[in-house]
Amino acid sequence: MKPNLSQYKRVLDVGTGTGRALSAIINNFPKDAQIVGIDIDKHYIVKAKERFKAHSNVEMREQNFYELMETKEKYDAIIFSSSFMLMPYREKALEIAKDMLTPNGKIFFLMTLYEKKREIIEKVKPYLKHYTTIDFGNITYEKEFDSFLTGNDFSISHKERIFYKWNPLFYVFRVFLIECQKLEKV
């Protein structure tokens, strides 16, 4: 799936990390788009700033997403690149994101969704951080996540499982790109 990103003039990348994922899609945004990347890890932000130093339209900030609760900032697109499953208060995070969207804005989630509960995954996933130093977040199930979005006044406009032939992890972890927008109240 290649979403049409050319319509988004204000973009927020939540959990930008080192900016690697954003760098893969940045040329799909308009040249004058204002892009803000935030992350709670200052070491990641240092690397992200270095990565985007030639892009005057990109701002990288060490910031907790929940601090944006009182902001007046508005975005046409909010991207959660594997960061949403790490958030402790998902419903609150979705509420904050909803308030920050412009009227026709969209949220994009890139995340691992499991099909059904498996005891081995439930037991093993919390320990992965100790061996890999990567926090893979909470286990998230596809049907539950879909219900979570629709139950919080979002419609899913597109959902697609991502496969890369050269990376077998995408077959094991069921990585999806989900595009959604808030439902307009009548």
N, C-alpha and C. Protein backbone atom coordinates (compact mmCIF):
# COMPACT_ATOMS: atom_id res chain seq x y z
N MET A 1 0.85 -1.18 0.00
CA MET A 1 0.00 0.00 0.00
C MET A 1 0.89 1.23 0.00
N LYS A 2 0.57 2.14 -0.86
CA LYS A 2 1.25 3.43 -0.87
C LYS A 2 0.18 4.49 -0.74
N PRO A 3 -0.07 4.96 0.47
CA PRO A 3 -1.08 6.00 0.61
C PRO A 3 -0.64 7.27 -0.09
N ASN A 4 -1.62 8.01 -0.59
CA ASN A 4 -1.33 9.28 -1.24
C ASN A 4 -1.04 10.32 -0.16
N LEU A 5 0.22 10.64 0.01
CA LEU A 5 0.64 11.56 1.05
C LEU A 5 0.79 12.98 0.54
N SER A 6 0.56 13.21 -0.74
CA SER A 6 0.78 14.52 -1.33
C SER A 6 -0.22 15.58 -0.86
N GLN A 7 -1.28 15.17 -0.21
CA GLN A 7 -2.29 16.13 0.24
C GLN A 7 -2.05 16.66 1.66
N TYR A 8 -1.06 16.11 2.35
CA TYR A 8 -0.86 16.46 3.75
C TYR A 8 0.20 17.55 3.90
N LYS A 9 -0.22 18.70 4.46
CA LYS A 9 0.68 19.86 4.61
C LYS A 9 1.26 19.97 6.01
N ARG A 10 0.57 19.38 7.01
CA ARG A 10 1.05 19.37 8.40
C ARG A 10 1.00 17.94 8.89
N VAL A 11 2.17 17.41 9.27
CA VAL A 11 2.30 15.99 9.61
C VAL A 11 2.98 15.85 10.96
N LEU A 12 2.46 14.95 11.79
CA LEU A 12 3.07 14.63 13.07
C LEU A 12 3.45 13.15 13.06
N ASP A 13 4.71 12.86 13.31
CA ASP A 13 5.20 11.49 13.40
C ASP A 13 5.46 11.19 14.87
N VAL A 14 4.62 10.36 15.46
CA VAL A 14 4.68 10.06 16.89
C VAL A 14 5.56 8.82 17.11
N GLY A 15 6.58 8.98 17.92
CA GLY A 15 7.52 7.89 18.15
C GLY A 15 8.45 7.75 16.95
N THR A 16 8.96 8.88 16.51
CA THR A 16 9.76 8.92 15.28
C THR A 16 11.06 8.13 15.39
N GLY A 17 11.52 7.88 16.61
CA GLY A 17 12.78 7.15 16.77
C GLY A 17 13.91 7.91 16.11
N THR A 18 14.71 7.21 15.33
CA THR A 18 15.83 7.85 14.63
C THR A 18 15.40 8.49 13.32
N GLY A 19 14.11 8.40 13.01
CA GLY A 19 13.60 8.99 11.78
C GLY A 19 13.72 8.09 10.56
N ARG A 20 14.12 6.88 10.77
CA ARG A 20 14.33 5.96 9.64
C ARG A 20 13.06 5.73 8.83
N ALA A 21 11.94 5.44 9.51
CA ALA A 21 10.68 5.20 8.79
C ALA A 21 10.22 6.46 8.07
N LEU A 22 10.33 7.60 8.73
CA LEU A 22 9.93 8.86 8.11
C LEU A 22 10.78 9.17 6.89
N SER A 23 12.07 8.87 6.96
CA SER A 23 12.95 9.15 5.81
C SER A 23 12.56 8.34 4.59
N ALA A 24 11.93 7.18 4.80
CA ALA A 24 11.52 6.34 3.68
C ALA A 24 10.32 6.92 2.93
N ILE A 25 9.53 7.78 3.58
CA ILE A 25 8.33 8.33 2.94
C ILE A 25 8.34 9.84 2.78
N ILE A 26 9.37 10.51 3.27
CA ILE A 26 9.36 11.98 3.29
C ILE A 26 9.19 12.60 1.91
N ASN A 27 9.72 11.98 0.89
CA ASN A 27 9.62 12.55 -0.46
C ASN A 27 8.22 12.41 -1.05
N ASN A 28 7.34 11.70 -0.38
CA ASN A 28 5.95 11.56 -0.83
C ASN A 28 5.07 12.70 -0.33
N PHE A 29 5.58 13.49 0.61
CA PHE A 29 4.85 14.66 1.10
C PHE A 29 5.19 15.85 0.22
N PRO A 30 4.32 16.86 0.19
CA PRO A 30 4.67 18.07 -0.57
C PRO A 30 5.98 18.67 -0.03
N LYS A 31 6.72 19.31 -0.88
CA LYS A 31 8.00 19.91 -0.48
C LYS A 31 7.84 20.96 0.61
N ASP A 32 6.67 21.62 0.64
CA ASP A 32 6.45 22.66 1.64
C ASP A 32 5.70 22.14 2.88
N ALA A 33 5.50 20.84 2.98
CA ALA A 33 4.82 20.27 4.15
C ALA A 33 5.66 20.52 5.40
N GLN A 34 4.99 20.84 6.49
CA GLN A 34 5.66 21.01 7.78
C GLN A 34 5.52 19.69 8.54
N ILE A 35 6.64 19.09 8.86
CA ILE A 35 6.66 17.77 9.48
C ILE A 35 7.31 17.88 10.85
N VAL A 36 6.62 17.35 11.86
CA VAL A 36 7.13 17.34 13.23
C VAL A 36 7.26 15.88 13.66
N GLY A 37 8.42 15.53 14.14
CA GLY A 37 8.65 14.20 14.68
C GLY A 37 8.91 14.33 16.17
N ILE A 38 8.24 13.49 16.96
CA ILE A 38 8.47 13.51 18.41
C ILE A 38 8.84 12.12 18.90
N ASP A 39 9.63 12.09 19.95
CA ASP A 39 10.00 10.84 20.60
C ASP A 39 10.42 11.17 22.04
N ILE A 40 10.24 10.21 22.93
CA ILE A 40 10.62 10.45 24.33
C ILE A 40 12.09 10.13 24.58
N ASP A 41 12.76 9.52 23.62
CA ASP A 41 14.16 9.14 23.78
C ASP A 41 15.06 10.21 23.16
N LYS A 42 15.81 10.93 24.00
CA LYS A 42 16.64 12.03 23.49
C LYS A 42 17.74 11.54 22.56
N HIS A 43 18.21 10.32 22.76
CA HIS A 43 19.26 9.78 21.89
C HIS A 43 18.72 9.54 20.48
N TYR A 44 17.49 9.07 20.39
CA TYR A 44 16.85 8.91 19.08
C TYR A 44 16.68 10.27 18.40
N ILE A 45 16.25 11.25 19.14
CA ILE A 45 16.01 12.58 18.56
C ILE A 45 17.31 13.19 18.04
N VAL A 46 18.41 12.98 18.75
CA VAL A 46 19.71 13.48 18.26
C VAL A 46 20.00 12.86 16.90
N LYS A 47 19.77 11.57 16.74
CA LYS A 47 20.02 10.90 15.46
C LYS A 47 19.04 11.37 14.39
N ALA A 48 17.79 11.56 14.79
CA ALA A 48 16.78 12.03 13.83
C ALA A 48 17.11 13.44 13.34
N LYS A 49 17.54 14.30 14.24
CA LYS A 49 17.91 15.66 13.83
C LYS A 49 19.06 15.62 12.83
N GLU A 50 20.00 14.76 13.07
CA GLU A 50 21.13 14.61 12.14
C GLU A 50 20.64 14.11 10.78
N ARG A 51 19.73 13.15 10.80
CA ARG A 51 19.20 12.57 9.56
C ARG A 51 18.47 13.62 8.70
N PHE A 52 17.77 14.56 9.36
CA PHE A 52 16.95 15.53 8.65
C PHE A 52 17.54 16.94 8.64
N LYS A 53 18.82 17.08 8.91
CA LYS A 53 19.41 18.42 8.99
C LYS A 53 19.32 19.18 7.67
N ALA A 54 19.19 18.51 6.57
CA ALA A 54 19.06 19.19 5.28
C ALA A 54 17.61 19.54 4.94
N HIS A 55 16.68 19.17 5.79
CA HIS A 55 15.26 19.43 5.55
C HIS A 55 14.79 20.55 6.48
N SER A 56 14.66 21.75 5.96
CA SER A 56 14.24 22.88 6.79
C SER A 56 12.78 22.78 7.22
N ASN A 57 12.02 21.91 6.58
CA ASN A 57 10.60 21.75 6.91
C ASN A 57 10.34 20.66 7.95
N VAL A 58 11.40 20.08 8.49
CA VAL A 58 11.26 19.01 9.48
C VAL A 58 11.78 19.48 10.83
N GLU A 59 10.95 19.31 11.85
CA GLU A 59 11.32 19.65 13.22
C GLU A 59 11.27 18.38 14.06
N MET A 60 12.32 18.11 14.80
CA MET A 60 12.37 16.95 15.68
C MET A 60 12.39 17.45 17.13
N ARG A 61 11.51 16.86 17.95
CA ARG A 61 11.39 17.30 19.35
C ARG A 61 11.41 16.10 20.29
N GLU A 62 12.18 16.25 21.37
CA GLU A 62 12.09 15.28 22.46
C GLU A 62 10.83 15.66 23.24
N GLN A 63 9.82 14.83 23.13
CA GLN A 63 8.54 15.18 23.73
C GLN A 63 7.68 13.93 23.92
N ASN A 64 6.98 13.91 25.03
CA ASN A 64 6.01 12.87 25.31
C ASN A 64 4.71 13.24 24.62
N PHE A 65 4.11 12.31 23.91
CA PHE A 65 2.88 12.59 23.16
C PHE A 65 1.78 13.13 24.06
N TYR A 66 1.67 12.64 25.28
CA TYR A 66 0.60 13.08 26.18
C TYR A 66 0.73 14.55 26.58
N GLU A 67 1.91 15.13 26.42
CA GLU A 67 2.10 16.56 26.68
C GLU A 67 1.35 17.42 25.66
N LEU A 68 0.97 16.82 24.55
CA LEU A 68 0.26 17.56 23.50
C LEU A 68 -1.24 17.70 23.78
N MET A 69 -1.68 17.21 24.93
CA MET A 69 -3.09 17.23 25.27
C MET A 69 -3.67 18.65 25.24
N GLU A 70 -2.90 19.61 25.66
CA GLU A 70 -3.39 20.99 25.74
C GLU A 70 -2.95 21.84 24.55
N THR A 71 -2.39 21.22 23.54
CA THR A 71 -1.85 21.99 22.42
C THR A 71 -2.95 22.53 21.51
N LYS A 72 -2.60 23.52 20.78
CA LYS A 72 -3.48 24.07 19.75
C LYS A 72 -3.01 23.61 18.36
N GLU A 73 -1.96 22.77 18.34
CA GLU A 73 -1.42 22.30 17.07
C GLU A 73 -2.45 21.44 16.35
N LYS A 74 -2.51 21.59 15.04
CA LYS A 74 -3.41 20.80 14.20
C LYS A 74 -2.60 20.15 13.09
N TYR A 75 -2.97 18.92 12.75
CA TYR A 75 -2.25 18.17 11.72
C TYR A 75 -3.22 17.53 10.74
N ASP A 76 -2.78 17.47 9.50
CA ASP A 76 -3.55 16.78 8.46
C ASP A 76 -3.34 15.28 8.54
N ALA A 77 -2.18 14.87 9.02
CA ALA A 77 -1.85 13.45 9.16
C ALA A 77 -1.05 13.24 10.44
N ILE A 78 -1.43 12.22 11.18
CA ILE A 78 -0.69 11.80 12.36
C ILE A 78 -0.29 10.35 12.13
N ILE A 79 1.00 10.09 12.28
CA ILE A 79 1.54 8.76 12.01
C ILE A 79 2.05 8.16 13.32
N PHE A 80 1.56 6.98 13.62
CA PHE A 80 2.08 6.21 14.75
C PHE A 80 2.85 5.03 14.14
N SER A 81 4.15 5.19 13.98
CA SER A 81 4.98 4.14 13.39
C SER A 81 5.45 3.20 14.49
N SER A 82 4.69 2.17 14.70
CA SER A 82 5.01 1.17 15.72
C SER A 82 5.09 1.75 17.13
N SER A 83 4.54 2.92 17.34
CA SER A 83 4.60 3.53 18.66
C SER A 83 3.30 3.38 19.45
N PHE A 84 2.20 3.17 18.77
CA PHE A 84 0.91 3.15 19.47
C PHE A 84 0.82 2.00 20.46
N MET A 85 1.37 0.85 20.12
CA MET A 85 1.30 -0.30 21.02
C MET A 85 2.20 -0.14 22.25
N LEU A 86 3.05 0.87 22.23
CA LEU A 86 3.91 1.16 23.38
C LEU A 86 3.26 2.13 24.36
N MET A 87 2.19 2.75 23.94
CA MET A 87 1.56 3.79 24.76
C MET A 87 0.74 3.18 25.89
N PRO A 88 0.91 3.72 27.09
CA PRO A 88 0.20 3.14 28.24
C PRO A 88 -1.29 3.47 28.29
N TYR A 89 -1.70 4.58 27.73
CA TYR A 89 -3.11 4.99 27.79
C TYR A 89 -3.61 5.20 26.36
N ARG A 90 -3.92 4.11 25.69
CA ARG A 90 -4.25 4.17 24.27
C ARG A 90 -5.51 4.98 23.98
N GLU A 91 -6.53 4.82 24.80
CA GLU A 91 -7.76 5.56 24.55
C GLU A 91 -7.51 7.07 24.66
N LYS A 92 -6.74 7.46 25.66
CA LYS A 92 -6.38 8.87 25.83
C LYS A 92 -5.54 9.36 24.65
N ALA A 93 -4.61 8.53 24.20
CA ALA A 93 -3.76 8.89 23.05
C ALA A 93 -4.61 9.10 21.81
N LEU A 94 -5.59 8.23 21.60
CA LEU A 94 -6.45 8.37 20.44
C LEU A 94 -7.32 9.63 20.54
N GLU A 95 -7.76 9.94 21.74
CA GLU A 95 -8.55 11.16 21.98
C GLU A 95 -7.71 12.41 21.68
N ILE A 96 -6.46 12.41 22.12
CA ILE A 96 -5.56 13.54 21.86
C ILE A 96 -5.34 13.68 20.35
N ALA A 97 -5.06 12.56 19.70
CA ALA A 97 -4.83 12.59 18.25
C ALA A 97 -6.07 13.09 17.52
N LYS A 98 -7.24 12.66 17.94
CA LYS A 98 -8.49 13.08 17.32
C LYS A 98 -8.66 14.59 17.42
N ASP A 99 -8.34 15.16 18.59
CA ASP A 99 -8.45 16.60 18.80
C ASP A 99 -7.44 17.39 17.97
N MET A 100 -6.33 16.76 17.62
CA MET A 100 -5.28 17.45 16.87
C MET A 100 -5.46 17.37 15.35
N LEU A 101 -6.41 16.56 14.89
CA LEU A 101 -6.62 16.41 13.46
C LEU A 101 -7.39 17.59 12.87
N THR A 102 -7.02 17.98 11.67
CA THR A 102 -7.81 18.94 10.91
C THR A 102 -9.08 18.22 10.45
N PRO A 103 -10.09 18.94 9.97
CA PRO A 103 -11.36 18.30 9.62
C PRO A 103 -11.27 17.06 8.73
N ASN A 104 -10.43 17.03 7.74
CA ASN A 104 -10.31 15.86 6.87
C ASN A 104 -9.03 15.07 7.15
N GLY A 105 -8.46 15.26 8.34
CA GLY A 105 -7.21 14.62 8.68
C GLY A 105 -7.33 13.12 8.86
N LYS A 106 -6.19 12.45 8.78
CA LYS A 106 -6.17 10.99 8.92
C LYS A 106 -5.07 10.58 9.89
N ILE A 107 -5.28 9.42 10.48
CA ILE A 107 -4.26 8.80 11.32
C ILE A 107 -3.80 7.54 10.63
N PHE A 108 -2.49 7.33 10.64
CA PHE A 108 -1.90 6.13 10.07
C PHE A 108 -1.22 5.36 11.20
N PHE A 109 -1.50 4.09 11.28
CA PHE A 109 -0.86 3.21 12.25
C PHE A 109 -0.04 2.19 11.47
N LEU A 110 1.21 2.03 11.84
CA LEU A 110 2.04 0.94 11.36
C LEU A 110 2.30 0.09 12.58
N MET A 111 1.74 -1.12 12.59
CA MET A 111 1.85 -1.90 13.82
C MET A 111 1.64 -3.38 13.57
N THR A 112 2.13 -4.16 14.52
CA THR A 112 1.95 -5.60 14.51
C THR A 112 0.60 -5.92 15.12
N LEU A 113 -0.19 -6.69 14.39
CA LEU A 113 -1.49 -7.15 14.89
C LEU A 113 -1.53 -8.67 14.81
N TYR A 114 -1.83 -9.26 15.93
CA TYR A 114 -1.94 -10.72 15.96
C TYR A 114 -3.37 -11.12 15.63
N GLU A 115 -3.51 -12.29 15.03
CA GLU A 115 -4.82 -12.76 14.59
C GLU A 115 -5.63 -13.32 15.75
N LYS A 116 -5.00 -14.19 16.53
CA LYS A 116 -5.70 -14.80 17.66
C LYS A 116 -4.72 -15.02 18.80
N LYS A 117 -5.28 -15.17 19.98
CA LYS A 117 -4.46 -15.32 21.17
C LYS A 117 -3.72 -16.66 21.14
N ARG A 118 -2.44 -16.56 21.46
CA ARG A 118 -1.60 -17.76 21.57
C ARG A 118 -0.80 -17.62 22.86
N GLU A 119 -0.88 -18.64 23.68
CA GLU A 119 -0.21 -18.59 24.98
C GLU A 119 1.28 -18.33 24.87
N ILE A 120 1.92 -18.94 23.90
CA ILE A 120 3.37 -18.79 23.78
C ILE A 120 3.75 -17.33 23.51
N ILE A 121 2.98 -16.66 22.66
CA ILE A 121 3.26 -15.24 22.37
C ILE A 121 3.00 -14.40 23.61
N GLU A 122 1.93 -14.70 24.32
CA GLU A 122 1.60 -13.97 25.54
C GLU A 122 2.73 -14.06 26.57
N LYS A 123 3.39 -15.21 26.62
CA LYS A 123 4.45 -15.42 27.60
C LYS A 123 5.81 -14.89 27.13
N VAL A 124 6.09 -15.02 25.84
CA VAL A 124 7.41 -14.68 25.33
C VAL A 124 7.60 -13.19 25.06
N LYS A 125 6.59 -12.52 24.52
CA LYS A 125 6.75 -11.13 24.09
C LYS A 125 7.27 -10.19 25.19
N PRO A 126 6.77 -10.28 26.43
CA PRO A 126 7.30 -9.37 27.46
C PRO A 126 8.80 -9.54 27.73
N TYR A 127 9.35 -10.71 27.43
CA TYR A 127 10.77 -10.95 27.69
C TYR A 127 11.68 -10.54 26.54
N LEU A 128 11.10 -10.27 25.37
CA LEU A 128 11.92 -9.92 24.22
C LEU A 128 12.79 -8.69 24.46
N LYS A 129 12.27 -7.74 25.22
CA LYS A 129 13.03 -6.50 25.47
C LYS A 129 14.35 -6.81 26.19
N HIS A 130 14.33 -7.79 27.06
CA HIS A 130 15.55 -8.13 27.80
C HIS A 130 16.63 -8.70 26.89
N TYR A 131 16.23 -9.34 25.80
CA TYR A 131 17.19 -9.98 24.91
C TYR A 131 17.55 -9.12 23.70
N THR A 132 16.63 -8.28 23.29
CA THR A 132 16.88 -7.49 22.07
C THR A 132 17.09 -6.01 22.36
N THR A 133 16.78 -5.56 23.56
CA THR A 133 16.77 -4.15 23.98
C THR A 133 15.70 -3.33 23.25
N ILE A 134 14.83 -4.00 22.53
CA ILE A 134 13.74 -3.33 21.83
C ILE A 134 12.43 -3.64 22.55
N ASP A 135 11.68 -2.59 22.84
CA ASP A 135 10.37 -2.78 23.47
C ASP A 135 9.34 -2.96 22.35
N PHE A 136 8.76 -4.14 22.26
CA PHE A 136 7.78 -4.42 21.22
C PHE A 136 6.36 -4.07 21.66
N GLY A 137 6.22 -3.53 22.85
CA GLY A 137 4.92 -3.07 23.31
C GLY A 137 3.98 -4.18 23.71
N ASN A 138 2.74 -3.78 23.92
CA ASN A 138 1.72 -4.74 24.31
C ASN A 138 1.26 -5.55 23.12
N ILE A 139 0.82 -6.73 23.38
CA ILE A 139 0.25 -7.57 22.32
C ILE A 139 -1.07 -6.94 21.91
N THR A 140 -1.26 -6.80 20.61
CA THR A 140 -2.46 -6.18 20.08
C THR A 140 -3.08 -7.14 19.07
N TYR A 141 -4.36 -7.38 19.23
CA TYR A 141 -5.07 -8.30 18.36
C TYR A 141 -5.91 -7.54 17.34
N GLU A 142 -5.92 -8.05 16.13
CA GLU A 142 -6.53 -7.35 14.99
C GLU A 142 -7.99 -6.98 15.23
N LYS A 143 -8.82 -7.92 15.59
CA LYS A 143 -10.24 -7.64 15.79
C LYS A 143 -10.46 -6.66 16.94
N GLU A 144 -9.69 -6.82 18.01
CA GLU A 144 -9.82 -5.90 19.15
C GLU A 144 -9.41 -4.48 18.76
N PHE A 145 -8.36 -4.35 17.95
CA PHE A 145 -7.91 -3.02 17.54
C PHE A 145 -8.94 -2.37 16.61
N ASP A 146 -9.48 -3.14 15.68
CA ASP A 146 -10.54 -2.61 14.81
C ASP A 146 -11.72 -2.11 15.64
N SER A 147 -12.13 -2.90 16.62
CA SER A 147 -13.25 -2.51 17.49
C SER A 147 -12.90 -1.28 18.32
N PHE A 148 -11.66 -1.22 18.77
CA PHE A 148 -11.18 -0.07 19.53
C PHE A 148 -11.32 1.21 18.70
N LEU A 149 -10.90 1.16 17.44
CA LEU A 149 -10.99 2.34 16.57
C LEU A 149 -12.43 2.72 16.31
N THR A 150 -13.25 1.77 15.90
CA THR A 150 -14.65 2.09 15.59
C THR A 150 -15.41 2.51 16.84
N GLY A 151 -15.07 1.93 17.98
CA GLY A 151 -15.72 2.30 19.24
C GLY A 151 -15.34 3.69 19.72
N ASN A 152 -14.28 4.24 19.15
CA ASN A 152 -13.84 5.60 19.50
C ASN A 152 -14.06 6.57 18.34
N ASP A 153 -15.08 6.30 17.56
CA ASP A 153 -15.53 7.20 16.49
C ASP A 153 -14.53 7.38 15.35
N PHE A 154 -13.88 6.30 14.95
CA PHE A 154 -13.01 6.31 13.79
C PHE A 154 -13.50 5.29 12.79
N SER A 155 -13.34 5.60 11.52
CA SER A 155 -13.61 4.62 10.48
C SER A 155 -12.27 4.23 9.86
N ILE A 156 -12.15 2.97 9.54
CA ILE A 156 -10.93 2.47 8.91
C ILE A 156 -11.13 2.58 7.40
N SER A 157 -10.35 3.46 6.76
CA SER A 157 -10.49 3.63 5.32
C SER A 157 -9.67 2.60 4.55
N HIS A 158 -8.59 2.13 5.16
CA HIS A 158 -7.78 1.11 4.49
C HIS A 158 -6.94 0.38 5.53
N LYS A 159 -6.83 -0.93 5.34
CA LYS A 159 -5.96 -1.73 6.19
C LYS A 159 -5.31 -2.78 5.30
N GLU A 160 -4.00 -2.83 5.38
CA GLU A 160 -3.28 -3.76 4.53
C GLU A 160 -2.10 -4.36 5.28
N ARG A 161 -1.98 -5.67 5.15
CA ARG A 161 -0.83 -6.35 5.73
C ARG A 161 0.38 -6.13 4.84
N ILE A 162 1.50 -5.85 5.47
CA ILE A 162 2.73 -5.55 4.74
C ILE A 162 3.59 -6.81 4.66
N PHE A 163 4.02 -7.10 3.44
CA PHE A 163 4.94 -8.21 3.22
C PHE A 163 6.15 -7.69 2.48
N TYR A 164 7.31 -8.06 2.96
CA TYR A 164 8.55 -7.80 2.24
C TYR A 164 9.24 -9.13 2.05
N LYS A 165 9.44 -9.51 0.80
CA LYS A 165 10.02 -10.83 0.51
C LYS A 165 11.38 -11.00 1.18
N TRP A 166 12.12 -9.92 1.31
CA TRP A 166 13.47 -10.01 1.83
C TRP A 166 13.53 -10.02 3.35
N ASN A 167 12.39 -9.82 4.03
CA ASN A 167 12.39 -9.78 5.49
C ASN A 167 11.35 -10.74 6.06
N PRO A 168 11.78 -11.92 6.50
CA PRO A 168 10.84 -12.92 7.02
C PRO A 168 10.12 -12.49 8.29
N LEU A 169 10.63 -11.50 9.01
CA LEU A 169 9.95 -11.04 10.23
C LEU A 169 8.56 -10.49 9.94
N PHE A 170 8.35 -9.94 8.73
CA PHE A 170 7.04 -9.42 8.38
C PHE A 170 6.01 -10.54 8.21
N TYR A 171 6.46 -11.75 7.96
CA TYR A 171 5.55 -12.88 7.89
C TYR A 171 5.18 -13.37 9.29
N VAL A 172 6.13 -13.32 10.20
CA VAL A 172 5.92 -13.80 11.56
C VAL A 172 5.09 -12.81 12.37
N PHE A 173 5.40 -11.52 12.29
CA PHE A 173 4.80 -10.54 13.17
C PHE A 173 3.53 -9.87 12.64
N ARG A 174 3.08 -10.17 11.43
CA ARG A 174 1.83 -9.63 10.88
C ARG A 174 1.76 -8.10 11.02
N VAL A 175 2.61 -7.41 10.29
CA VAL A 175 2.67 -5.95 10.33
C VAL A 175 1.63 -5.38 9.36
N PHE A 176 0.87 -4.40 9.86
CA PHE A 176 -0.18 -3.77 9.07
C PHE A 176 0.03 -2.26 8.99
N LEU A 177 -0.47 -1.70 7.90
CA LEU A 177 -0.62 -0.26 7.79
C LEU A 177 -2.12 0.00 7.78
N ILE A 178 -2.56 0.81 8.73
CA ILE A 178 -3.98 1.10 8.89
C ILE A 178 -4.18 2.60 8.74
N GLU A 179 -5.09 2.96 7.87
CA GLU A 179 -5.43 4.36 7.63
C GLU A 179 -6.84 4.58 8.16
N CYS A 180 -7.02 5.58 9.00
CA CYS A 180 -8.36 5.84 9.53
C CYS A 180 -8.62 7.33 9.67
N GLN A 181 -9.88 7.66 9.81
CA GLN A 181 -10.27 9.05 9.99
C GLN A 181 -11.41 9.10 10.98
N LYS A 182 -11.52 10.25 11.63
CA LYS A 182 -12.58 10.39 12.63
C LYS A 182 -13.93 10.55 11.94
N LEU A 183 -14.94 9.98 12.55
CA LEU A 183 -16.30 10.10 12.04
C LEU A 183 -16.82 11.48 12.38
N GLU A 184 -17.42 12.10 11.41
CA GLU A 184 -18.00 13.41 11.65
C GLU A 184 -19.36 13.24 12.32
N LYS A 185 -19.58 13.92 13.42
CA LYS A 185 -20.85 13.82 14.13
C LYS A 185 -21.90 14.66 13.44
N VAL A 186 -23.07 14.08 13.31
CA VAL A 186 -24.16 14.75 12.61
C VAL A 186 -25.01 15.53 13.58
